Protein backbone atom coordinates (compact mmCIF):
# COMPACT_ATOMS: atom_id res chain seq x y z
CA MET A 1 3.73 -22.93 9.56
CA PRO A 2 2.96 -20.04 7.16
CA ASP A 3 -0.57 -19.39 5.94
CA THR A 4 -0.06 -20.73 2.40
CA THR A 5 -2.81 -23.34 2.00
CA PRO A 6 -4.97 -22.27 -0.96
CA GLN A 7 -8.71 -22.12 -0.43
CA ALA A 8 -10.57 -24.50 -2.74
CA ALA A 9 -13.83 -22.56 -2.93
CA PRO A 10 -13.90 -18.82 -2.18
CA GLU A 11 -16.75 -17.93 0.13
CA TYR A 12 -16.06 -14.25 0.72
CA ARG A 13 -16.43 -11.33 -1.65
CA VAL A 14 -14.11 -8.37 -2.16
CA VAL A 15 -14.28 -5.01 -3.91
CA GLU A 16 -10.79 -3.75 -4.70
CA ILE A 17 -10.08 -0.11 -5.50
CA CYS A 18 -6.88 1.23 -7.08
CA ALA A 19 -6.30 -2.40 -8.00
CA GLY A 20 -3.28 -1.86 -10.25
CA ALA A 21 -2.28 -4.86 -12.33
CA GLY A 22 -3.37 -7.46 -9.80
CA GLY A 23 -0.76 -8.08 -7.10
CA GLN A 24 -3.14 -7.65 -4.21
CA ALA A 25 -5.97 -9.15 -6.25
CA LEU A 26 -4.14 -12.42 -6.85
CA GLY A 27 -3.05 -12.67 -3.23
CA LEU A 28 -6.58 -12.11 -1.96
CA GLU A 29 -7.95 -14.63 -4.44
CA LEU A 30 -5.53 -17.26 -3.12
CA ALA A 31 -6.61 -16.34 0.41
CA GLY A 32 -10.20 -17.20 -0.49
CA PHE A 33 -11.80 -13.93 -1.69
CA GLU A 34 -13.83 -13.66 -4.89
CA HIS A 35 -13.70 -10.31 -6.68
CA GLU A 36 -17.06 -8.61 -7.16
CA LEU A 37 -15.36 -5.57 -8.71
CA ALA A 38 -11.88 -4.19 -9.38
CA VAL A 39 -11.51 -0.45 -10.01
CA GLU A 40 -8.36 0.99 -11.59
CA LEU A 41 -7.44 4.23 -13.37
CA ASP A 42 -4.63 2.97 -15.62
CA GLU A 43 -5.78 1.50 -18.92
CA ASN A 44 -2.82 -0.87 -19.24
CA ALA A 45 -3.33 -2.29 -15.75
CA CYS A 46 -7.02 -2.82 -16.50
CA ALA A 47 -6.07 -4.72 -19.64
CA THR A 48 -3.83 -6.99 -17.55
CA LEU A 49 -6.62 -7.63 -15.03
CA ARG A 50 -9.10 -8.50 -17.80
CA HIS A 51 -6.58 -10.74 -19.55
CA ASN A 52 -5.87 -12.81 -16.42
CA ARG A 53 -9.39 -12.86 -14.99
CA PRO A 54 -11.91 -12.28 -17.81
CA GLN A 55 -14.72 -13.28 -15.44
CA TRP A 56 -14.06 -10.28 -13.16
CA LYS A 57 -15.91 -7.02 -13.49
CA VAL A 58 -13.28 -4.32 -14.03
CA ALA A 59 -14.11 -0.61 -13.94
CA GLN A 60 -11.60 1.74 -15.55
CA GLY A 61 -11.48 5.38 -14.45
CA ASP A 62 -11.22 7.66 -11.43
CA VAL A 63 -12.30 5.57 -8.45
CA ALA A 64 -13.96 8.58 -6.83
CA SER A 65 -16.21 9.22 -9.84
CA GLU A 66 -19.82 8.04 -9.66
CA ALA A 67 -19.65 7.60 -13.43
CA VAL A 68 -17.19 4.75 -12.92
CA TRP A 69 -18.98 2.77 -10.19
CA GLN A 70 -21.59 3.12 -7.47
CA PRO A 71 -20.23 2.16 -4.03
CA GLY A 72 -23.75 1.81 -2.64
CA ASP A 73 -24.35 -1.11 -5.00
CA TYR A 74 -21.84 -3.13 -2.94
CA GLU A 75 -23.22 -2.47 0.53
CA GLY A 76 -22.40 -5.33 2.88
CA ILE A 77 -19.37 -6.56 0.92
CA ASP A 78 -17.10 -8.82 2.97
CA LEU A 79 -13.89 -6.95 2.21
CA LEU A 80 -13.07 -3.52 0.81
CA ALA A 81 -9.40 -3.50 -0.19
CA GLY A 82 -6.98 -1.33 -2.09
CA GLY A 83 -3.63 0.34 -2.48
CA VAL A 84 -4.55 4.02 -2.69
CA PRO A 85 -2.02 6.44 -4.26
CA CYS A 86 1.37 6.66 -2.54
CA PRO A 87 2.72 10.11 -3.60
CA PRO A 88 0.98 12.04 -0.76
CA PHE A 89 3.08 10.09 1.76
CA THR A 90 6.23 8.97 -0.02
CA ILE A 91 9.55 9.91 1.59
CA ALA A 92 10.95 10.92 -1.80
CA GLY A 93 8.08 13.36 -2.39
CA LYS A 94 6.77 16.54 -0.76
CA GLN A 95 4.63 14.61 1.77
CA LEU A 96 1.63 16.88 1.24
CA GLY A 97 -0.69 14.34 2.83
CA ALA A 98 -4.28 15.60 3.04
CA THR A 99 -3.57 18.55 0.73
CA ASP A 100 -2.31 16.36 -2.12
CA GLU A 101 -5.08 16.02 -4.73
CA ARG A 102 -4.10 12.36 -5.21
CA ASP A 103 -4.81 11.45 -1.58
CA LEU A 104 -7.67 8.95 -1.39
CA PHE A 105 -7.07 7.48 2.04
CA ALA A 106 -9.66 9.59 3.86
CA TRP A 107 -12.16 9.15 1.02
CA THR A 108 -11.78 5.37 1.28
CA ILE A 109 -12.45 5.51 5.01
CA GLU A 110 -15.71 7.32 4.25
CA LEU A 111 -16.63 4.49 1.88
CA CYS A 112 -17.00 2.32 4.98
CA GLY A 113 -20.00 4.43 5.94
CA THR A 114 -21.60 3.79 2.54
CA MET A 115 -20.55 0.23 1.78
CA LYS A 116 -20.45 -1.08 5.37
CA PRO A 117 -17.86 -3.76 4.56
CA ARG A 118 -17.18 -6.44 7.10
CA ALA A 119 -13.46 -5.62 6.82
CA LEU A 120 -11.18 -3.00 5.30
CA LEU A 121 -7.63 -3.55 4.02
CA LEU A 122 -5.50 -0.63 2.79
CA GLU A 123 -1.78 -0.59 2.04
CA ASN A 124 0.59 2.27 1.36
CA VAL A 125 4.24 3.30 1.52
CA ARG A 126 6.36 3.38 4.66
CA GLY A 127 6.22 7.18 4.69
CA LEU A 128 2.70 7.07 6.10
CA SER A 129 4.14 5.49 9.26
CA LEU A 130 6.45 8.45 9.97
CA PRO A 131 5.87 11.12 12.68
CA ARG A 132 4.83 13.62 10.00
CA PHE A 133 1.54 11.73 9.60
CA SER A 134 0.85 10.73 13.21
CA ALA A 135 -2.20 13.01 13.46
CA TYR A 136 -3.43 11.88 10.04
CA ARG A 137 -3.25 8.25 11.19
CA GLN A 138 -5.04 8.96 14.45
CA HIS A 139 -7.80 10.81 12.60
CA VAL A 140 -8.27 7.70 10.44
CA LEU A 141 -8.59 5.50 13.53
CA ASP A 142 -10.98 7.98 15.15
CA ARG A 143 -13.18 8.12 12.07
CA LEU A 144 -13.26 4.34 11.75
CA ALA A 145 -14.29 4.10 15.40
CA GLN A 146 -17.15 6.52 14.70
CA LEU A 147 -18.23 4.22 11.87
CA GLY A 148 -18.17 1.18 14.15
CA TYR A 149 -14.79 -0.37 13.31
CA ALA A 150 -11.77 -1.42 15.33
CA ALA A 151 -8.48 -1.00 13.46
CA ASP A 152 -4.72 -1.26 13.63
CA TRP A 153 -1.70 -0.25 11.55
CA ARG A 154 1.35 -2.40 10.91
CA LEU A 155 4.58 -1.95 8.94
CA LEU A 156 5.13 -5.20 7.05
CA HIS A 157 8.25 -6.18 5.11
CA ALA A 158 7.86 -8.21 1.93
CA ALA A 159 11.02 -10.20 2.68
CA ASP A 160 9.30 -11.61 5.78
CA PHE A 161 6.78 -13.35 3.51
CA GLY A 162 9.06 -15.03 0.99
CA VAL A 163 9.42 -12.08 -1.40
CA PRO A 164 13.15 -11.51 -2.14
CA GLN A 165 12.93 -7.75 -1.87
CA LEU A 166 13.30 -4.96 0.67
CA ARG A 167 9.77 -3.62 0.32
CA PRO A 168 8.20 -2.17 3.49
CA ARG A 169 4.47 -1.44 3.23
CA PHE A 170 2.28 0.23 5.82
CA VAL A 171 -0.96 -1.68 6.19
CA LEU A 172 -4.29 -0.81 7.81
CA VAL A 173 -6.81 -3.50 8.73
CA ALA A 174 -10.21 -2.60 10.17
CA MET A 175 -13.12 -4.85 11.13
CA ARG A 176 -16.23 -4.83 13.22
CA PRO A 177 -15.11 -5.41 16.83
CA GLU A 178 -16.73 -8.85 16.99
CA ASP A 179 -14.51 -9.94 14.06
CA PHE A 180 -11.42 -7.94 14.97
CA ALA A 181 -11.17 -9.76 18.28
CA TYR A 182 -10.15 -12.80 16.22
CA PHE A 183 -7.68 -11.00 13.92
CA THR A 184 -3.92 -11.34 14.33
CA TRP A 185 -1.19 -10.10 12.01
CA PRO A 186 0.63 -12.73 9.93
CA GLU A 187 3.91 -14.03 11.29
CA PRO A 188 7.16 -13.74 9.28
CA LEU A 189 8.50 -16.82 7.51
CA ASP A 190 11.77 -18.40 8.60
CA GLN A 191 13.72 -17.53 5.45
CA THR A 192 13.60 -15.87 2.05
CA LYS A 193 15.53 -16.69 -1.10
CA THR A 194 18.17 -14.29 -2.36
CA VAL A 195 18.02 -12.53 -5.72
CA GLY A 196 20.53 -15.03 -7.10
CA GLU A 197 18.57 -18.06 -5.93
CA THR A 198 15.36 -16.60 -7.31
CA LEU A 199 16.69 -15.62 -10.73
CA LYS A 200 19.49 -18.09 -11.49
CA ASP A 201 17.42 -20.25 -13.84
CA ALA A 202 15.99 -17.17 -15.58
CA MET A 203 19.49 -15.79 -16.15
CA ALA A 204 20.59 -19.16 -17.56
CA ARG A 205 17.55 -19.65 -19.78
CA ASP A 206 19.35 -18.86 -23.04
CA GLY A 207 22.57 -20.64 -22.07
CA TRP A 208 24.57 -17.82 -20.46
CA ARG A 209 27.67 -19.41 -18.92
CA GLY A 210 27.99 -16.73 -16.25
CA ALA A 211 24.64 -17.45 -14.57
CA ALA A 212 25.97 -19.61 -11.72
CA ALA A 213 28.73 -17.17 -10.76
CA TRP A 214 26.32 -14.28 -11.05
CA ALA A 215 23.82 -16.01 -8.74
CA ARG A 216 26.52 -16.52 -6.10
CA LYS A 217 27.29 -12.80 -6.14
CA ALA A 218 23.62 -11.78 -5.99
CA ASN A 219 23.39 -13.22 -2.48
CA ASP A 220 21.04 -10.68 -0.93
CA ILE A 221 17.44 -9.54 -1.27
CA ALA A 222 16.64 -6.81 -3.76
CA PRO A 223 16.24 -3.12 -2.99
CA THR A 224 12.67 -1.83 -3.19
CA ILE A 225 11.54 -1.98 -6.80
CA VAL A 226 10.07 1.33 -7.93
CA GLY A 227 7.62 1.30 -10.80
CA GLY A 228 7.58 5.06 -11.18
CA SER A 229 5.06 7.06 -13.19
CA LYS A 230 4.45 8.14 -16.76
CA LYS A 231 6.00 11.52 -15.95
CA HIS A 232 9.46 10.05 -15.31
CA GLY A 233 10.90 8.49 -18.46
CA GLY A 234 11.39 4.81 -19.12
CA ALA A 235 11.90 1.80 -16.91
CA ASP A 236 14.90 1.50 -14.60
CA LEU A 237 15.58 0.12 -11.13
CA GLY A 238 15.16 3.25 -9.07
CA PRO A 239 17.22 6.13 -7.65
CA THR A 240 21.02 6.30 -7.48
CA ARG A 241 21.28 4.61 -4.08
CA ALA A 242 19.22 1.65 -5.28
CA LYS A 243 21.27 1.37 -8.47
CA ARG A 244 24.44 1.13 -6.37
CA ALA A 245 22.90 -1.72 -4.36
CA TRP A 246 21.96 -3.47 -7.59
CA ARG A 247 25.48 -3.00 -8.93
CA ASP A 248 26.92 -4.61 -5.80
CA MET A 249 24.82 -7.69 -6.64
CA GLY A 250 25.98 -7.70 -10.27
CA VAL A 251 22.91 -6.07 -11.82
CA ASN A 252 22.87 -3.13 -14.22
CA GLY A 253 20.01 -0.96 -12.96
CA LEU A 254 20.04 1.56 -15.81
CA GLY A 255 17.19 -0.08 -17.69
CA ILE A 256 15.20 -3.24 -18.29
CA ALA A 257 16.33 -5.88 -20.79
CA ASP A 258 14.16 -7.40 -23.49
CA ALA A 259 15.66 -10.85 -22.92
CA PRO A 260 18.05 -12.64 -20.53
CA PRO A 261 21.78 -12.85 -21.35
CA ALA A 262 22.61 -14.83 -24.48
CA LYS A 263 24.79 -17.92 -24.69
CA ASP A 264 27.66 -15.98 -26.26
CA ASP A 265 27.60 -13.08 -23.80
CA PRO A 266 30.80 -12.80 -21.72
CA VAL A 267 30.85 -14.40 -18.28
CA SER A 268 31.84 -10.99 -16.88
CA LEU A 269 28.63 -9.36 -18.15
CA VAL A 270 26.71 -7.22 -15.65
CA PRO A 271 23.19 -8.06 -16.87
CA LYS A 272 20.00 -6.07 -16.75
CA LEU A 273 16.83 -7.66 -15.43
CA THR A 274 13.88 -8.49 -17.65
CA CYS A 275 10.27 -7.75 -16.72
CA GLU A 276 9.83 -11.48 -16.00
CA MET A 277 12.71 -11.31 -13.50
CA VAL A 278 11.34 -8.21 -11.81
CA ALA A 279 7.97 -9.93 -11.50
CA ARG A 280 9.64 -12.83 -9.69
CA LEU A 281 11.22 -10.38 -7.27
CA GLN A 282 7.72 -9.03 -6.60
CA GLY A 283 6.43 -12.49 -5.71
CA TRP A 284 4.96 -13.73 -8.99
CA ASP A 285 6.16 -17.10 -10.26
CA ASP A 286 5.27 -19.93 -12.65
CA GLY A 287 3.17 -21.79 -10.09
CA GLU A 288 0.38 -20.50 -7.85
CA TYR A 289 1.40 -16.90 -8.46
CA ARG A 290 1.34 -17.14 -12.25
CA TRP A 291 0.27 -13.88 -13.95
CA THR A 292 0.62 -12.38 -17.43
CA PHE A 293 1.25 -8.67 -17.99
CA THR A 294 -0.08 -7.10 -21.17
CA GLY A 295 1.26 -4.14 -23.09
CA ARG A 296 4.74 -2.87 -23.93
CA LYS A 297 7.87 -3.31 -21.82
CA THR A 298 7.84 0.03 -20.00
CA SER A 299 4.16 -0.33 -19.16
CA ASN A 300 4.77 -3.89 -17.96
CA TYR A 301 7.58 -2.76 -15.71
CA ARG A 302 5.46 0.00 -14.16
CA GLN A 303 2.59 -2.40 -13.57
CA ILE A 304 4.92 -4.84 -11.85
CA GLY A 305 6.95 -2.29 -9.93
CA ASN A 306 3.91 -0.47 -8.50
CA ALA A 307 2.21 -3.66 -7.30
CA PHE A 308 1.59 -5.04 -3.81
CA PRO A 309 3.45 -8.39 -3.69
CA PRO A 310 0.88 -11.20 -3.97
CA PRO A 311 2.36 -13.35 -1.15
CA VAL A 312 2.06 -10.45 1.30
CA ALA A 313 -1.54 -9.77 0.26
CA ARG A 314 -2.27 -13.48 0.61
CA ALA A 315 -0.83 -13.61 4.13
CA ILE A 316 -2.96 -10.68 5.30
CA GLY A 317 -6.05 -11.89 3.45
CA THR A 318 -5.71 -15.31 5.04
CA ARG A 319 -5.65 -13.76 8.51
CA ILE A 320 -8.75 -11.72 7.70
CA ARG A 321 -10.49 -14.86 6.50
CA LYS A 322 -9.44 -16.74 9.62
CA ALA A 323 -10.93 -13.95 11.73
CA PHE A 324 -14.21 -14.26 9.82
CA ASP A 325 -14.15 -18.03 10.40
CA ARG A 326 -13.23 -17.67 14.10
CA GLU A 327 -10.13 -19.85 13.69
CA ALA A 328 -8.37 -18.46 16.75
CA GLU A 329 -9.03 -17.63 20.37
CA PRO A 330 -10.59 -14.16 20.75
CA ARG A 331 -8.53 -11.45 22.39
CA GLU A 332 -9.59 -8.49 24.45
CA LEU A 333 -9.68 -5.39 22.26
CA VAL A 334 -7.47 -2.63 23.60
CA GLU A 335 -5.70 0.16 21.76
CA GLU A 336 -2.44 -1.65 21.11
CA THR A 337 -1.15 -0.09 17.89
CA SER A 338 2.63 0.28 17.88
CA VAL A 339 2.34 3.45 15.78
CA ARG A 340 2.69 6.61 17.87
CA HIS A 341 -0.05 9.23 17.92
CA ASP A 342 0.45 12.99 17.67
CA PRO A 343 0.27 14.31 21.27
CA VAL A 344 -0.79 17.84 20.29
CA TYR A 345 -3.57 16.49 18.06
CA THR A 346 -4.71 14.19 20.88
CA VAL A 347 -5.05 17.08 23.35
CA LEU A 348 -6.75 19.48 20.91
CA ARG A 349 -9.19 16.84 19.66
CA ALA A 350 -10.11 15.73 23.18
CA ASP A 351 -10.78 19.30 24.36
CA GLY A 352 -12.55 20.57 21.24
CA GLY A 353 -11.97 24.22 22.14
CA PHE A 354 -9.19 26.82 22.08
CA LEU A 355 -6.03 26.04 24.04
CA THR A 356 -2.79 27.99 24.35
CA MET A 357 0.57 26.34 23.97
CA ASP A 358 1.08 26.37 27.76
CA GLN A 359 -2.32 24.73 28.31
CA ILE A 360 -1.54 22.05 25.74
CA LEU A 361 1.91 21.35 27.19
CA ARG A 362 0.49 20.94 30.69
CA ARG A 363 -1.98 18.29 29.46
CA LEU A 364 0.58 16.11 27.70
CA ASP A 365 1.51 12.73 29.14
CA GLU A 366 5.15 13.37 28.26
CA PRO A 367 6.90 16.76 28.15
CA LEU A 368 7.61 18.55 24.86
CA GLU A 369 10.10 21.29 24.12
CA VAL A 370 8.69 24.44 22.54
CA SER A 371 10.46 23.60 19.27
CA GLU A 372 8.83 20.15 19.27
CA PHE A 373 5.42 21.67 19.91
CA GLU A 374 5.90 24.03 16.97
CA ARG A 375 6.89 21.12 14.73
CA HIS A 376 3.76 19.17 15.70
CA LEU A 377 1.63 22.25 15.08
CA ALA A 378 3.21 22.74 11.66
CA HIS A 379 2.36 19.14 10.74
CA LEU A 380 -1.20 19.60 11.97
CA ARG A 381 -1.63 22.70 9.83
CA GLN A 382 -0.76 20.68 6.73
CA ASP A 383 -3.63 18.23 7.25
CA PHE A 384 -6.18 20.15 9.37
CA HIS A 385 -7.67 23.61 9.48
CA ILE A 386 -6.29 25.23 12.65
CA GLU A 387 -8.16 28.22 14.07
CA VAL A 388 -6.10 30.79 16.00
CA ASP A 389 -7.38 33.06 18.77
CA PRO A 390 -4.80 35.79 19.62
CA ARG A 391 -4.58 36.36 23.38
CA LYS A 392 -2.35 38.36 25.71
CA SER A 393 -1.09 35.08 27.18
CA GLY A 394 -0.26 33.79 23.71
CA ASP A 395 -2.13 32.43 20.72
CA ALA A 396 -4.76 29.77 21.41
CA TYR A 397 -5.41 26.99 18.92
CA LYS A 398 -8.45 24.95 17.96
CA ILE A 399 -8.39 22.01 15.58
CA GLY A 400 -10.89 22.23 12.74
CA GLU A 401 -11.87 20.14 9.74
CA PHE A 402 -9.66 17.58 8.05
CA LYS A 403 -8.37 18.97 4.74
CA ALA A 404 -8.38 15.64 2.92
CA PHE A 405 -10.72 14.76 0.08
CA THR A 406 -13.73 12.86 1.42
CA GLY A 407 -16.05 13.36 -1.56
CA GLN A 408 -16.53 17.15 -1.63
CA PRO A 409 -17.99 18.16 -5.03
CA ASP A 410 -15.82 21.31 -5.17
CA HIS A 411 -12.51 19.66 -4.25
CA LEU A 412 -9.51 20.44 -6.47
CA ARG A 413 -8.90 16.75 -7.22
CA HIS A 414 -11.90 16.66 -9.58
CA GLU A 415 -10.05 18.79 -12.13
CA ALA A 416 -7.02 16.49 -12.00
CA PHE A 417 -8.95 13.26 -12.48
CA VAL A 418 -11.43 13.83 -15.28
CA LYS A 419 -11.20 10.51 -17.11
CA PRO A 420 -13.55 8.49 -19.27
CA SER A 421 -14.82 5.27 -17.70
CA LYS A 422 -14.89 1.78 -19.13
CA ILE A 423 -16.65 -1.02 -17.27
CA SER A 424 -16.55 -4.63 -18.41
């Protein structure tokens, strides 16, 4: 049976950073976590959070600014959670990783040293799971281990948790070892509704006669909904490939409608989705997952499209809570992550000194071609400072500091994120 039983009285506390408009927040609340604080940069998303949960403390501004909140005030929190910015890792972007000024993953890991949460939950795009970031991921695990946490990564698909959408998210969960021994990842549900089944009544709300036929054609889950950013025009349903998939299901992806089809619209109409419909495809509904989005249509769509689906957040949050409550048999902790590590990073980090390519290749568990070694080294150089010692036998390499933002006062991200703060 899925973990869907709501908790009557939350006993655990959460601080959520980069909270968006509340997808993860609602899911964690239903899993039994009470929000001590939600921090979010976008003014419209903050307005939505305050509208739905006026009792929550919401801090608006750059999450890394001490003018917005003081992480030390929340030392010992049960859960630190968030969906830090995706652009550093997105497949559609430049994948700058640690050198992208928007990257907050490493900074959030350092928060664990200040806040000492009992558990950490971070989610991001599928791109972070790719080989390009294998060394980045291993550095995160290494740093968490130094801070006293056991951790694992997992690629989760929203459709496995009742959300009618192809939305893979890469999730990190970390806990103290005594808790992590009781943590297991949530199991997929048996089935998920199609787009047509999910939206048929919404399409028929104003009497459109084509709703039933349309629902039969929309017999698949949705492509990944992309909220986009303020830099990229108005609301639509994503890139060309996604729009073709929408068209195959009878949906016009070139914009968002203000209202569902009217009674007098032709049966052959290829309708656009409304924000309400998109929210349903993200896991919100009129029951337990009820939520109201404030602001204008384009802002609403971005808030919805950029969210972490509440049912997925609930499933993970429930497993974290169950680990806290010792509701399973403990397991022996071994390094069992299914996400591959960077072999060149592993050798250089273990040695700590200068090694030539030949020395590195001889220490690998599995052989690498020279071209593969050079590719791994190129990836490492993007995220780490690599020292080079020229030798007659060939250059020797030593891995240096991580390039990511971890709170440095002179980091370039400070110029990009100078924002006023509003706490309420």
